[in-house]
Amino acid sequence: QVQLVESGGDLVQPGGSLRLSCAASGIMFTIYTMGWYRQAPGKQREWVSTITMGGTATYAESVTGRFTISRDNANNTLYLQMNSLKPEDTAVYYCNAAVKITTLRSYWGQGTQVTVSS
C-alpha cells in the first residue's frame, strides 16, 4: 500500500520559515520524481516544485529563491524548506510521487496546512 504522509505545516508570520516533510512508503522511492503542489482556498491546485530521481530541482516562479526542495533517498523522505514566507503562500501543501515506466503512476498525500498570517 502506497502512503505519502506530509507534516510540518503550521501558522507562521510573514517572513518566517517552515520545513515540510513527506514520508513515503510502499514505493521504490529512489526511482520516483517527487513534487510539491499547493491549493489555496477557492483556487486550483498548483505546482510548486519538483525534484527528479537524479536530484534535479525545478521551481515555480512564485517560490524561486525562497523555497528549496530536497530528498533523502535513504529514508524515503521529501522535504520543502520554505523561507521568507508570504501571505499568498497560504495553502494546503501536497506531496506527489510520479514515475512513468509503461504507464504513469502518480500518488498523492493528504496534505498539510500552511498559513502565513500576522
PDB file of N, CA and C in Angstrom:
ATOM      1  N   GLN A   1       0.843  -1.196   0.000  1.00  0.00           N
ATOM      2  CA  GLN A   1       0.000   0.000   0.000  1.00  0.00           C
ATOM      3  C   GLN A   1       0.876   1.244   0.000  1.00  0.00           C
ATOM      4  N   VAL A   2       0.604   2.131  -0.950  1.00  0.00           N
ATOM      5  CA  VAL A   2       1.384   3.357  -1.068  1.00  0.00           C
ATOM      6  C   VAL A   2       0.865   4.392  -0.086  1.00  0.00           C
ATOM      7  N   GLN A   3       1.784   4.998   0.646  1.00  0.00           N
ATOM      8  CA  GLN A   3       1.421   6.082   1.550  1.00  0.00           C
ATOM      9  C   GLN A   3       2.407   7.225   1.414  1.00  0.00           C
ATOM     10  N   LEU A   4       1.861   8.427   1.295  1.00  0.00           N
ATOM     11  CA  LEU A   4       2.640   9.652   1.353  1.00  0.00           C
ATOM     12  C   LEU A   4       2.057  10.481   2.487  1.00  0.00           C
ATOM     13  N   VAL A   5       2.867  10.756   3.492  1.00  0.00           N
ATOM     14  CA  VAL A   5       2.372  11.441   4.678  1.00  0.00           C
ATOM     15  C   VAL A   5       3.145  12.738   4.872  1.00  0.00           C
ATOM     16  N   GLU A   6       2.435  13.846   4.662  1.00  0.00           N
ATOM     17  CA  GLU A   6       3.056  15.158   4.842  1.00  0.00           C
ATOM     18  C   GLU A   6       2.972  15.595   6.303  1.00  0.00           C
ATOM     19  N   SER A   7       3.926  16.414   6.691  1.00  0.00           N
ATOM     20  CA  SER A   7       3.913  17.013   8.021  1.00  0.00           C
ATOM     21  C   SER A   7       4.696  18.315   7.979  1.00  0.00           C
ATOM     22  N   GLY A   8       4.563  19.096   9.042  1.00  0.00           N
ATOM     23  CA  GLY A   8       5.330  20.330   9.156  1.00  0.00           C
ATOM     24  C   GLY A   8       4.548  21.601   8.910  1.00  0.00           C
ATOM     25  N   GLY A   9       3.308  21.481   8.454  1.00  0.00           N
ATOM     26  CA  GLY A   9       2.507  22.671   8.246  1.00  0.00           C
ATOM     27  C   GLY A   9       2.170  23.348   9.567  1.00  0.00           C
ATOM     28  N   ASP A  10       2.018  24.668   9.498  1.00  0.00           N
ATOM     29  CA  ASP A  10       1.776  25.416  10.735  1.00  0.00           C
ATOM     30  C   ASP A  10       1.325  26.821  10.390  1.00  0.00           C
ATOM     31  N   LEU A  11       1.012  27.591  11.412  1.00  0.00           N
ATOM     32  CA  LEU A  11       0.745  29.022  11.293  1.00  0.00           C
ATOM     33  C   LEU A  11       2.066  29.752  11.532  1.00  0.00           C
ATOM     34  N   VAL A  12       2.430  30.611  10.601  1.00  0.00           N
ATOM     35  CA  VAL A  12       3.704  31.333  10.711  1.00  0.00           C
ATOM     36  C   VAL A  12       3.493  32.778  10.266  1.00  0.00           C
ATOM     37  N   GLN A  13       4.280  33.673  10.818  1.00  0.00           N
ATOM     38  CA  GLN A  13       4.171  35.085  10.458  1.00  0.00           C
ATOM     39  C   GLN A  13       4.864  35.345   9.118  1.00  0.00           C
ATOM     40  N   PRO A  14       4.429  36.387   8.428  1.00  0.00           N
ATOM     41  CA  PRO A  14       5.124  36.746   7.179  1.00  0.00           C
ATOM     42  C   PRO A  14       6.616  36.946   7.421  1.00  0.00           C
ATOM     43  N   GLY A  15       7.411  36.432   6.498  1.00  0.00           N
ATOM     44  CA  GLY A  15       8.860  36.492   6.656  1.00  0.00           C
ATOM     45  C   GLY A  15       9.451  35.299   7.367  1.00  0.00           C
ATOM     46  N   GLY A  16       8.588  34.464   7.925  1.00  0.00           N
ATOM     47  CA  GLY A  16       9.053  33.296   8.657  1.00  0.00           C
ATOM     48  C   GLY A  16       9.401  32.121   7.765  1.00  0.00           C
ATOM     49  N   SER A  17       9.760  31.027   8.407  1.00  0.00           N
ATOM     50  CA  SER A  17      10.190  29.824   7.691  1.00  0.00           C
ATOM     51  C   SER A  17       9.461  28.597   8.217  1.00  0.00           C
ATOM     52  N   LEU A  18       9.318  27.623   7.338  1.00  0.00           N
ATOM     53  CA  LEU A  18       8.798  26.313   7.695  1.00  0.00           C
ATOM     54  C   LEU A  18       9.513  25.259   6.871  1.00  0.00           C
ATOM     55  N   ARG A  19       9.558  24.057   7.406  1.00  0.00           N
ATOM     56  CA  ARG A  19      10.092  22.923   6.662  1.00  0.00           C
ATOM     57  C   ARG A  19       9.038  21.827   6.615  1.00  0.00           C
ATOM     58  N   LEU A  20       8.590  21.516   5.423  1.00  0.00           N
ATOM     59  CA  LEU A  20       7.630  20.439   5.237  1.00  0.00           C
ATOM     60  C   LEU A  20       8.360  19.134   4.956  1.00  0.00           C
ATOM     61  N   SER A  21       7.761  18.051   5.414  1.00  0.00           N
ATOM     62  CA  SER A  21       8.302  16.718   5.150  1.00  0.00           C
ATOM     63  C   SER A  21       7.224  15.851   4.524  1.00  0.00           C
ATOM     64  N   CYS A  22       7.660  14.883   3.748  1.00  0.00           N
ATOM     65  CA  CYS A  22       6.751  13.907   3.160  1.00  0.00           C
ATOM     66  C   CYS A  22       7.416  12.542   3.274  1.00  0.00           C
ATOM     67  N   ALA A  23       6.859  11.703   4.117  1.00  0.00           N
ATOM     68  CA  ALA A  23       7.390  10.358   4.312  1.00  0.00           C
ATOM     69  C   ALA A  23       6.671   9.396   3.382  1.00  0.00           C
ATOM     70  N   ALA A  24       7.434   8.695   2.561  1.00  0.00           N
ATOM     71  CA  ALA A  24       6.858   7.784   1.574  1.00  0.00           C
ATOM     72  C   ALA A  24       7.075   6.336   1.983  1.00  0.00           C
ATOM     73  N   SER A  25       6.083   5.518   1.709  1.00  0.00           N
ATOM     74  CA  SER A  25       6.204   4.080   1.926  1.00  0.00           C
ATOM     75  C   SER A  25       5.400   3.362   0.853  1.00  0.00           C
ATOM     76  N   GLY A  26       5.799   2.118   0.593  1.00  0.00           N
ATOM     77  CA  GLY A  26       5.082   1.326  -0.399  1.00  0.00           C
ATOM     78  C   GLY A  26       5.497   1.573  -1.831  1.00  0.00           C
ATOM     79  N   ILE A  27       6.525   2.411  -2.041  1.00  0.00           N
ATOM     80  CA  ILE A  27       7.034   2.665  -3.389  1.00  0.00           C
ATOM     81  C   ILE A  27       8.547   2.550  -3.380  1.00  0.00           C
ATOM     82  N   MET A  28       9.124   2.330  -4.568  1.00  0.00           N
ATOM     83  CA  MET A  28      10.569   2.352  -4.703  1.00  0.00           C
ATOM     84  C   MET A  28      10.968   3.817  -4.849  1.00  0.00           C
ATOM     85  N   PHE A  29      11.131   4.472  -3.716  1.00  0.00           N
ATOM     86  CA  PHE A  29      11.253   5.924  -3.641  1.00  0.00           C
ATOM     87  C   PHE A  29      12.288   6.479  -4.604  1.00  0.00           C
ATOM     88  N   THR A  30      13.401   5.779  -4.742  1.00  0.00           N
ATOM     89  CA  THR A  30      14.530   6.336  -5.486  1.00  0.00           C
ATOM     90  C   THR A  30      14.235   6.549  -6.964  1.00  0.00           C
ATOM     91  N   ILE A  31      13.271   5.841  -7.532  1.00  0.00           N
ATOM     92  CA  ILE A  31      13.024   5.984  -8.965  1.00  0.00           C
ATOM     93  C   ILE A  31      11.921   6.995  -9.266  1.00  0.00           C
ATOM     94  N   TYR A  32      11.287   7.511  -8.216  1.00  0.00           N
ATOM     95  CA  TYR A  32      10.176   8.425  -8.410  1.00  0.00           C
ATOM     96  C   TYR A  32      10.636   9.878  -8.487  1.00  0.00           C
ATOM     97  N   THR A  33      10.006  10.615  -9.384  1.00  0.00           N
ATOM     98  CA  THR A  33      10.100  12.074  -9.349  1.00  0.00           C
ATOM     99  C   THR A  33       9.135  12.551  -8.269  1.00  0.00           C
ATOM    100  N   MET A  34       9.650  13.353  -7.368  1.00  0.00           N
ATOM    101  CA  MET A  34       8.847  13.813  -6.240  1.00  0.00           C
ATOM    102  C   MET A  34       8.541  15.298  -6.390  1.00  0.00           C
ATOM    103  N   GLY A  35       7.359  15.674  -5.939  1.00  0.00           N
ATOM    104  CA  GLY A  35       6.985  17.071  -6.102  1.00  0.00           C
ATOM    105  C   GLY A  35       6.113  17.585  -4.987  1.00  0.00           C
ATOM    106  N   TRP A  36       6.052  18.890  -4.916  1.00  0.00           N
ATOM    107  CA  TRP A  36       5.146  19.595  -4.001  1.00  0.00           C
ATOM    108  C   TRP A  36       4.174  20.434  -4.825  1.00  0.00           C
ATOM    109  N   TYR A  37       2.929  20.374  -4.426  1.00  0.00           N
ATOM    110  CA  TYR A  37       1.876  21.178  -5.009  1.00  0.00           C
ATOM    111  C   TYR A  37       1.148  21.862  -3.871  1.00  0.00           C
ATOM    112  N   ARG A  38       0.363  22.884  -4.205  1.00  0.00           N
ATOM    113  CA  ARG A  38      -0.417  23.556  -3.168  1.00  0.00           C
ATOM    114  C   ARG A  38      -1.755  23.996  -3.713  1.00  0.00           C
ATOM    115  N   GLN A  39      -2.705  24.124  -2.803  1.00  0.00           N
ATOM    116  CA  GLN A  39      -4.034  24.571  -3.180  1.00  0.00           C
ATOM    117  C   GLN A  39      -4.541  25.552  -2.144  1.00  0.00           C
ATOM    118  N   ALA A  40      -4.747  26.781  -2.584  1.00  0.00           N
ATOM    119  CA  ALA A  40      -5.298  27.816  -1.725  1.00  0.00           C
ATOM    120  C   ALA A  40      -6.817  27.775  -1.799  1.00  0.00           C
ATOM    121  N   PRO A  41      -7.491  28.299  -0.787  1.00  0.00           N
ATOM    122  CA  PRO A  41      -8.964  28.289  -0.801  1.00  0.00           C
ATOM    123  C   PRO A  41      -9.526  28.950  -2.048  1.00  0.00           C
ATOM    124  N   GLY A  42     -10.433  28.265  -2.713  1.00  0.00           N
ATOM    125  CA  GLY A  42     -11.076  28.812  -3.893  1.00  0.00           C
ATOM    126  C   GLY A  42     -10.246  28.785  -5.150  1.00  0.00           C
ATOM    127  N   LYS A  43      -9.064  28.172  -5.087  1.00  0.00           N
ATOM    128  CA  LYS A  43      -8.183  28.137  -6.248  1.00  0.00           C
ATOM    129  C   LYS A  43      -7.863  26.700  -6.633  1.00  0.00           C
ATOM    130  N   GLN A  44      -7.362  26.549  -7.859  1.00  0.00           N
ATOM    131  CA  GLN A  44      -6.956  25.224  -8.307  1.00  0.00           C
ATOM    132  C   GLN A  44      -5.606  24.850  -7.703  1.00  0.00           C
ATOM    133  N   ARG A  45      -5.379  23.546  -7.626  1.00  0.00           N
ATOM    134  CA  ARG A  45      -4.082  23.078  -7.160  1.00  0.00           C
ATOM    135  C   ARG A  45      -3.008  23.521  -8.151  1.00  0.00           C
ATOM    136  N   GLU A  46      -1.883  23.999  -7.624  1.00  0.00           N
ATOM    137  CA  GLU A  46      -0.806  24.460  -8.483  1.00  0.00           C
ATOM    138  C   GLU A  46       0.506  23.798  -8.105  1.00  0.00           C
ATOM    139  N   TRP A  47       1.348  23.654  -9.105  1.00  0.00           N
ATOM    140  CA  TRP A  47       2.663  23.063  -8.916  1.00  0.00           C
ATOM    141  C   TRP A  47       3.576  24.052  -8.208  1.00  0.00           C
ATOM    142  N   VAL A  48       4.376  23.539  -7.269  1.00  0.00           N
ATOM    143  CA  VAL A  48       5.325  24.358  -6.533  1.00  0.00           C
ATOM    144  C   VAL A  48       6.765  24.011  -6.914  1.00  0.00           C
ATOM    145  N   SER A  49       7.088  22.720  -6.845  1.00  0.00           N
ATOM    146  CA  SER A  49       8.470  22.317  -7.074  1.00  0.00           C
ATOM    147  C   SER A  49       8.529  20.824  -7.342  1.00  0.00           C
ATOM    148  N   THR A  50       9.570  20.423  -8.068  1.00  0.00           N
ATOM    149  CA  THR A  50       9.791  19.025  -8.390  1.00  0.00           C
ATOM    150  C   THR A  50      11.274  18.705  -8.256  1.00  0.00           C
ATOM    151  N   ILE A  51      11.555  17.488  -7.826  1.00  0.00           N
ATOM    152  CA  ILE A  51      12.932  17.014  -7.801  1.00  0.00           C
ATOM    153  C   ILE A  51      12.963  15.619  -8.422  1.00  0.00           C
ATOM    154  N   THR A  52      13.858  15.437  -9.368  1.00  0.00           N
ATOM    155  CA  THR A  52      13.944  14.163 -10.078  1.00  0.00           C
ATOM    156  C   THR A  52      14.710  13.128  -9.262  1.00  0.00           C
ATOM    157  N   MET A  53      14.711  11.900  -9.758  1.00  0.00           N
ATOM    158  CA  MET A  53      15.457  10.852  -9.073  1.00  0.00           C
ATOM    159  C   MET A  53      16.939  11.182  -9.037  1.00  0.00           C
ATOM    160  N   GLY A  54      17.397  11.958  -9.987  1.00  0.00           N
ATOM    161  CA  GLY A  54      18.804  12.348 -10.021  1.00  0.00           C
ATOM    162  C   GLY A  54      19.122  13.583  -9.208  1.00  0.00           C
ATOM    163  N   GLY A  55      18.080  14.196  -8.630  1.00  0.00           N
ATOM    164  CA  GLY A  55      18.313  15.349  -7.772  1.00  0.00           C
ATOM    165  C   GLY A  55      18.159  16.697  -8.445  1.00  0.00           C
ATOM    166  N   THR A  56      17.695  16.711  -9.689  1.00  0.00           N
ATOM    167  CA  THR A  56      17.480  17.994 -10.367  1.00  0.00           C
ATOM    168  C   THR A  56      16.192  18.628  -9.879  1.00  0.00           C
ATOM    169  N   ALA A  57      16.297  19.866  -9.416  1.00  0.00           N
ATOM    170  CA  ALA A  57      15.150  20.568  -8.840  1.00  0.00           C
ATOM    171  C   ALA A  57      14.671  21.677  -9.760  1.00  0.00           C
ATOM    172  N   THR A  58      13.372  21.839  -9.820  1.00  0.00           N
ATOM    173  CA  THR A  58      12.767  22.949 -10.540  1.00  0.00           C
ATOM    174  C   THR A  58      11.700  23.578  -9.652  1.00  0.00           C
ATOM    175  N   TYR A  59      11.443  24.864  -9.895  1.00  0.00           N
ATOM    176  CA  TYR A  59      10.550  25.623  -9.030  1.00  0.00           C
ATOM    177  C   TYR A  59       9.604  26.494  -9.840  1.00  0.00           C
ATOM    178  N   ALA A  60       8.428  26.707  -9.274  1.00  0.00           N
ATOM    179  CA  ALA A  60       7.540  27.711  -9.822  1.00  0.00           C
ATOM    180  C   ALA A  60       8.167  29.085  -9.614  1.00  0.00           C
ATOM    181  N   GLU A  61       7.876  29.984 -10.515  1.00  0.00           N
ATOM    182  CA  GLU A  61       8.473  31.319 -10.443  1.00  0.00           C
ATOM    183  C   GLU A  61       8.136  32.007  -9.117  1.00  0.00           C
ATOM    184  N   SER A  62       6.959  31.757  -8.604  1.00  0.00           N
ATOM    185  CA  SER A  62       6.495  32.441  -7.391  1.00  0.00           C
ATOM    186  C   SER A  62       7.280  32.046  -6.146  1.00  0.00           C
ATOM    187  N   VAL A  63       7.991  30.923  -6.194  1.00  0.00           N
ATOM    188  CA  VAL A  63       8.721  30.470  -4.998  1.00  0.00           C
ATOM    189  C   VAL A  63      10.224  30.409  -5.224  1.00  0.00           C
ATOM    190  N   THR A  64      10.660  30.663  -6.424  1.00  0.00           N
ATOM    191  CA  THR A  64      12.093  30.595  -6.735  1.00  0.00           C
ATOM    192  C   THR A  64      12.872  31.573  -5.870  1.00  0.00           C
ATOM    193  N   GLY A  65      13.929  31.051  -5.275  1.00  0.00           N
ATOM    194  CA  GLY A  65      14.762  31.872  -4.405  1.00  0.00           C
ATOM    195  C   GLY A  65      14.314  31.865  -2.957  1.00  0.00           C
ATOM    196  N   ARG A  66      13.136  31.342  -2.693  1.00  0.00           N
ATOM    197  CA  ARG A  66      12.626  31.296  -1.315  1.00  0.00           C
ATOM    198  C   ARG A  66      12.456  29.856  -0.812  1.00  0.00           C
ATOM    199  N   PHE A  67      12.080  28.961  -1.708  1.00  0.00           N
ATOM    200  CA  PHE A  67      11.828  27.561  -1.338  1.00  0.00           C
ATOM    201  C   PHE A  67      12.955  26.678  -1.866  1.00  0.00           C
ATOM    202  N   THR A  68      13.255  25.617  -1.113  1.00  0.00           N
ATOM    203  CA  THR A  68      14.246  24.634  -1.545  1.00  0.00           C
ATOM    204  C   THR A  68      13.688  23.233  -1.349  1.00  0.00           C
ATOM    205  N   ILE A  69      13.654  22.464  -2.421  1.00  0.00           N
ATOM    206  CA  ILE A  69      13.198  21.077  -2.349  1.00  0.00           C
ATOM    207  C   ILE A  69      14.415  20.167  -2.209  1.00  0.00           C
ATOM    208  N   SER A  70      14.260  19.104  -1.441  1.00  0.00           N
ATOM    209  CA  SER A  70      15.346  18.126  -1.303  1.00  0.00           C
ATOM    210  C   SER A  70      14.735  16.762  -1.002  1.00  0.00           C
ATOM    211  N   ARG A  71      15.559  15.729  -1.151  1.00  0.00           N
ATOM    212  CA  ARG A  71      15.092  14.379  -0.887  1.00  0.00           C
ATOM    213  C   ARG A  71      16.173  13.582  -0.172  1.00  0.00           C
ATOM    214  N   ASP A  72      15.733  12.714   0.703  1.00  0.00           N
ATOM    215  CA  ASP A  72      16.619  11.803   1.426  1.00  0.00           C
ATOM    216  C   ASP A  72      16.236  10.394   0.982  1.00  0.00           C
ATOM    217  N   ASN A  73      16.949   9.874   0.026  1.00  0.00           N
ATOM    218  CA  ASN A  73      16.598   8.572  -0.529  1.00  0.00           C
ATOM    219  C   ASN A  73      16.815   7.435   0.471  1.00  0.00           C
ATOM    220  N   ALA A  74      17.718   7.623   1.399  1.00  0.00           N
ATOM    221  CA  ALA A  74      17.970   6.573   2.384  1.00  0.00           C
ATOM    222  C   ALA A  74      16.784   6.408   3.333  1.00  0.00           C
ATOM    223  N   ASN A  75      16.055   7.501   3.538  1.00  0.00           N
ATOM    224  CA  ASN A  75      14.926   7.477   4.476  1.00  0.00           C
ATOM    225  C   ASN A  75      13.580   7.703   3.804  1.00  0.00           C
ATOM    226  N   ASN A  76      13.572   7.657   2.460  1.00  0.00           N
ATOM    227  CA  ASN A  76      12.314   7.778   1.701  1.00  0.00           C
ATOM    228  C   ASN A  76      11.526   9.024   2.098  1.00  0.00           C
ATOM    229  N   THR A  77      12.232  10.139   2.195  1.00  0.00           N
ATOM    230  CA  THR A  77      11.578  11.362   2.659  1.00  0.00           C
ATOM    231  C   THR A  77      11.882  12.528   1.719  1.00  0.00           C
ATOM    232  N   LEU A  78      10.863  13.292   1.470  1.00  0.00           N
ATOM    233  CA  LEU A  78      10.948  14.509   0.666  1.00  0.00           C
ATOM    234  C   LEU A  78      10.777  15.709   1.577  1.00  0.00           C
ATOM    235  N   TYR A  79      11.487  16.782   1.270  1.00  0.00           N
ATOM    236  CA  TYR A  79      11.408  17.992   2.090  1.00  0.00           C
ATOM    237  C   TYR A  79      11.117  19.218   1.226  1.00  0.00           C
ATOM    238  N   LEU A  80      10.564  20.225   1.878  1.00  0.00           N
ATOM    239  CA  LEU A  80      10.429  21.537   1.262  1.00  0.00           C
ATOM    240  C   LEU A  80      10.754  22.580   2.329  1.00  0.00           C
ATOM    241  N   GLN A  81      11.892  23.226   2.171  1.00  0.00           N
ATOM    242  CA  GLN A  81      12.272  24.315   3.057  1.00  0.00           C
ATOM    243  C   GLN A  81      11.700  25.604   2.488  1.00  0.00           C
ATOM    244  N   MET A  82      10.892  26.258   3.281  1.00  0.00           N
ATOM    245  CA  MET A  82      10.220  27.471   2.837  1.00  0.00           C
ATOM    246  C   MET A  82      10.680  28.652   3.681  1.00  0.00           C
ATOM    247  N   ASN A  83      11.319  29.612   3.053  1.00  0.00           N
ATOM    248  CA  ASN A  83      11.791  30.813   3.728  1.00  0.00           C
ATOM    249  C   ASN A  83      11.077  32.047   3.191  1.00  0.00           C
ATOM    250  N   SER A  84      11.192  33.128   3.919  1.00  0.00           N
ATOM    251  CA  SER A  84      10.588  34.400   3.507  1.00  0.00           C
ATOM    252  C   SER A  84       9.128  34.211   3.096  1.00  0.00           C
ATOM    253  N   LEU A  85       8.402  33.533   3.938  1.00  0.00           N
ATOM    254  CA  LEU A  85       7.012  33.206   3.599  1.00  0.00           C
ATOM    255  C   LEU A  85       6.143  34.449   3.502  1.00  0.00           C
ATOM    256  N   LYS A  86       5.202  34.381   2.571  1.00  0.00           N
ATOM    257  CA  LYS A  86       4.278  35.489   2.310  1.00  0.00           C
ATOM    258  C   LYS A  86       2.849  35.017   2.550  1.00  0.00           C
ATOM    259  N   PRO A  87       1.933  35.929   2.813  1.00  0.00           N
ATOM    260  CA  PRO A  87       0.530  35.518   2.989  1.00  0.00           C
ATOM    261  C   PRO A  87      -0.003  34.733   1.789  1.00  0.00           C
ATOM    262  N   GLU A  88       0.465  35.041   0.608  1.00  0.00           N
ATOM    263  CA  GLU A  88      -0.001  34.328  -0.583  1.00  0.00           C
ATOM    264  C   GLU A  88       0.534  32.902  -0.682  1.00  0.00           C
ATOM    265  N   ASP A  89       1.408  32.524   0.223  1.00  0.00           N
ATOM    266  CA  ASP A  89       1.856  31.126   0.289  1.00  0.00           C
ATOM    267  C   ASP A  89       0.884  30.258   1.085  1.00  0.00           C
ATOM    268  N   THR A  90      -0.097  30.879   1.698  1.00  0.00           N
ATOM    269  CA  THR A  90      -1.094  30.145   2.469  1.00  0.00           C
ATOM    270  C   THR A  90      -1.842  29.163   1.580  1.00  0.00           C
ATOM    271  N   ALA A  91      -1.817  27.888   1.964  1.00  0.00           N
ATOM    272  CA  ALA A  91      -2.439  26.847   1.157  1.00  0.00           C
ATOM    273  C   ALA A  91      -2.283  25.508   1.874  1.00  0.00           C
ATOM    274  N   VAL A  92      -2.985  24.521   1.358  1.00  0.00           N
ATOM    275  CA  VAL A  92      -2.700  23.141   1.726  1.00  0.00           C
ATOM    276  C   VAL A  92      -1.618  22.651   0.770  1.00  0.00           C
ATOM    277  N   TYR A  93      -0.547  22.116   1.326  1.00  0.00           N
ATOM    278  CA  TYR A  93       0.575  21.636   0.527  1.00  0.00           C
ATOM    279  C   TYR A  93       0.512  20.115   0.414  1.00  0.00           C
ATOM    280  N   TYR A  94       0.623  19.636  -0.813  1.00  0.00           N
ATOM    281  CA  TYR A  94       0.519  18.214  -1.100  1.00  0.00           C
ATOM    282  C   TYR A  94       1.825  17.678  -1.681  1.00  0.00           C
ATOM    283  N   CYS A  95       2.138  16.478  -1.276  1.00  0.00           N
ATOM    284  CA  CYS A  95       3.279  15.746  -1.800  1.00  0.00           C
ATOM    285  C   CYS A  95       2.802  14.831  -2.933  1.00  0.00           C
ATOM    286  N   ASN A  96       3.606  14.735  -3.978  1.00  0.00           N
ATOM    287  CA  ASN A  96       3.277  13.867  -5.109  1.00  0.00           C
ATOM    288  C   ASN A  96       4.483  13.011  -5.476  1.00  0.00           C
ATOM    289  N   ALA A  97       4.197  11.764  -5.807  1.00  0.00           N
ATOM    290  CA  ALA A  97       5.227  10.850  -6.314  1.00  0.00           C
ATOM    291  C   ALA A  97       4.784  10.355  -7.673  1.00  0.00           C
ATOM    292  N   ALA A  98       5.654  10.446  -8.664  1.00  0.00           N
ATOM    293  CA  ALA A  98       5.263  10.060 -10.020  1.00  0.00           C
ATOM    294  C   ALA A  98       6.410   9.346 -10.716  1.00  0.00           C
ATOM    295  N   VAL A  99       6.034   8.339 -11.482  1.00  0.00           N
ATOM    296  CA  VAL A  99       7.010   7.638 -12.306  1.00  0.00           C
ATOM    297  C   VAL A  99       6.290   7.080 -13.519  1.00  0.00           C
ATOM    298  N   LYS A 100       6.967   7.105 -14.660  1.00  0.00           N
ATOM    299  CA  LYS A 100       6.399   6.514 -15.871  1.00  0.00           C
ATOM    300  C   LYS A 100       7.310   5.392 -16.317  1.00  0.00           C
ATOM    301  N   ILE A 101       6.774   4.179 -16.253  1.00  0.00           N
ATOM    302  CA  ILE A 101       7.520   3.018 -16.736  1.00  0.00           C
ATOM    303  C   ILE A 101       6.852   2.616 -18.041  1.00  0.00           C
ATOM    304  N   THR A 102       5.812   1.838 -17.966  1.00  0.00           N
ATOM    305  CA  THR A 102       4.984   1.610 -19.149  1.00  0.00           C
ATOM    306  C   THR A 102       3.784   2.546 -19.115  1.00  0.00           C
ATOM    307  N   THR A 103       3.315   2.804 -17.924  1.00  0.00           N
ATOM    308  CA  THR A 103       2.230   3.775 -17.722  1.00  0.00           C
ATOM    309  C   THR A 103       2.647   4.738 -16.619  1.00  0.00           C
ATOM    310  N   LEU A 104       1.913   5.835 -16.513  1.00  0.00           N
ATOM    311  CA  LEU A 104       2.207   6.802 -15.462  1.00  0.00           C
ATOM    312  C   LEU A 104       1.583   6.338 -14.155  1.00  0.00           C
ATOM    313  N   ARG A 105       2.408   6.323 -13.123  1.00  0.00           N
ATOM    314  CA  ARG A 105       1.912   6.069 -11.773  1.00  0.00           C
ATOM    315  C   ARG A 105       2.114   7.350 -10.975  1.00  0.00           C
ATOM    316  N   SER A 106       1.039   7.800 -10.338  1.00  0.00           N
ATOM    317  CA  SER A 106       1.090   9.050  -9.584  1.00  0.00           C
ATOM    318  C   SER A 106       0.315   8.879  -8.294  1.00  0.00           C
ATOM    319  N   TYR A 107       0.944   9.310  -7.203  1.00  0.00           N
ATOM    320  CA  TYR A 107       0.332   9.170  -5.891  1.00  0.00           C
ATOM    321  C   TYR A 107       0.384  10.508  -5.159  1.00  0.00           C
ATOM    322  N   TRP A 108      -0.633  10.716  -4.295  1.00  0.00           N
ATOM    323  CA  TRP A 108      -0.753  11.969  -3.555  1.00  0.00           C
ATOM    324  C   TRP A 108      -0.852  11.707  -2.061  1.00  0.00           C
ATOM    325  N   GLY A 109      -0.318  12.640  -1.288  1.00  0.00           N
ATOM    326  CA  GLY A 109      -0.534  12.632   0.142  1.00  0.00           C
ATOM    327  C   GLY A 109      -1.832  13.340   0.484  1.00  0.00           C
ATOM    328  N   GLN A 110      -2.105  13.433   1.780  1.00  0.00           N
ATOM    329  CA  GLN A 110      -3.372  14.012   2.234  1.00  0.00           C
ATOM    330  C   GLN A 110      -3.282  15.518   2.429  1.00  0.00           C
ATOM    331  N   GLY A 111      -2.076  16.044   2.430  1.00  0.00           N
ATOM    332  CA  GLY A 111      -1.886  17.482   2.542  1.00  0.00           C
ATOM    333  C   GLY A 111      -1.579  17.952   3.949  1.00  0.00           C
ATOM    334  N   THR A 112      -0.903  19.090   4.026  1.00  0.00           N
ATOM    335  CA  THR A 112      -0.618  19.733   5.301  1.00  0.00           C
ATOM    336  C   THR A 112      -0.852  21.234   5.140  1.00  0.00           C
ATOM    337  N   GLN A 113      -1.505  21.833   6.123  1.00  0.00           N
ATOM    338  CA  GLN A 113      -1.915  23.239   6.025  1.00  0.00           C
ATOM    339  C   GLN A 113      -0.784  24.179   6.421  1.00  0.00           C
ATOM    340  N   VAL A 114      -0.523  25.125   5.546  1.00  0.00           N
ATOM    341  CA  VAL A 114       0.417  26.208   5.835  1.00  0.00           C
ATOM    342  C   VAL A 114      -0.359  27.513   5.809  1.00  0.00           C
ATOM    343  N   THR A 115      -0.296  28.248   6.899  1.00  0.00           N
ATOM    344  CA  THR A 115      -0.972  29.532   6.995  1.00  0.00           C
ATOM    345  C   THR A 115       0.045  30.605   7.347  1.00  0.00           C
ATOM    346  N   VAL A 116       0.124  31.613   6.503  1.00  0.00           N
ATOM    347  CA  VAL A 116       1.056  32.720   6.728  1.00  0.00           C
ATOM    348  C   VAL A 116       0.231  33.956   7.046  1.00  0.00           C
ATOM    349  N   SER A 117       0.315  34.384   8.281  1.00  0.00           N
ATOM    350  CA  SER A 117      -0.525  35.495   8.725  1.00  0.00           C
ATOM    351  C   SER A 117       0.073  36.111   9.971  1.00  0.00           C
ATOM    352  N   SER A 118      -0.132  37.425  10.088  1.00  0.00           N
ATOM    353  CA  SER A 118       0.309  38.112  11.304  1.00  0.00           C
ATOM    354  C   SER A 118      -0.828  38.213  12.313  1.00  0.00           C
TER     355      SER A 118
END
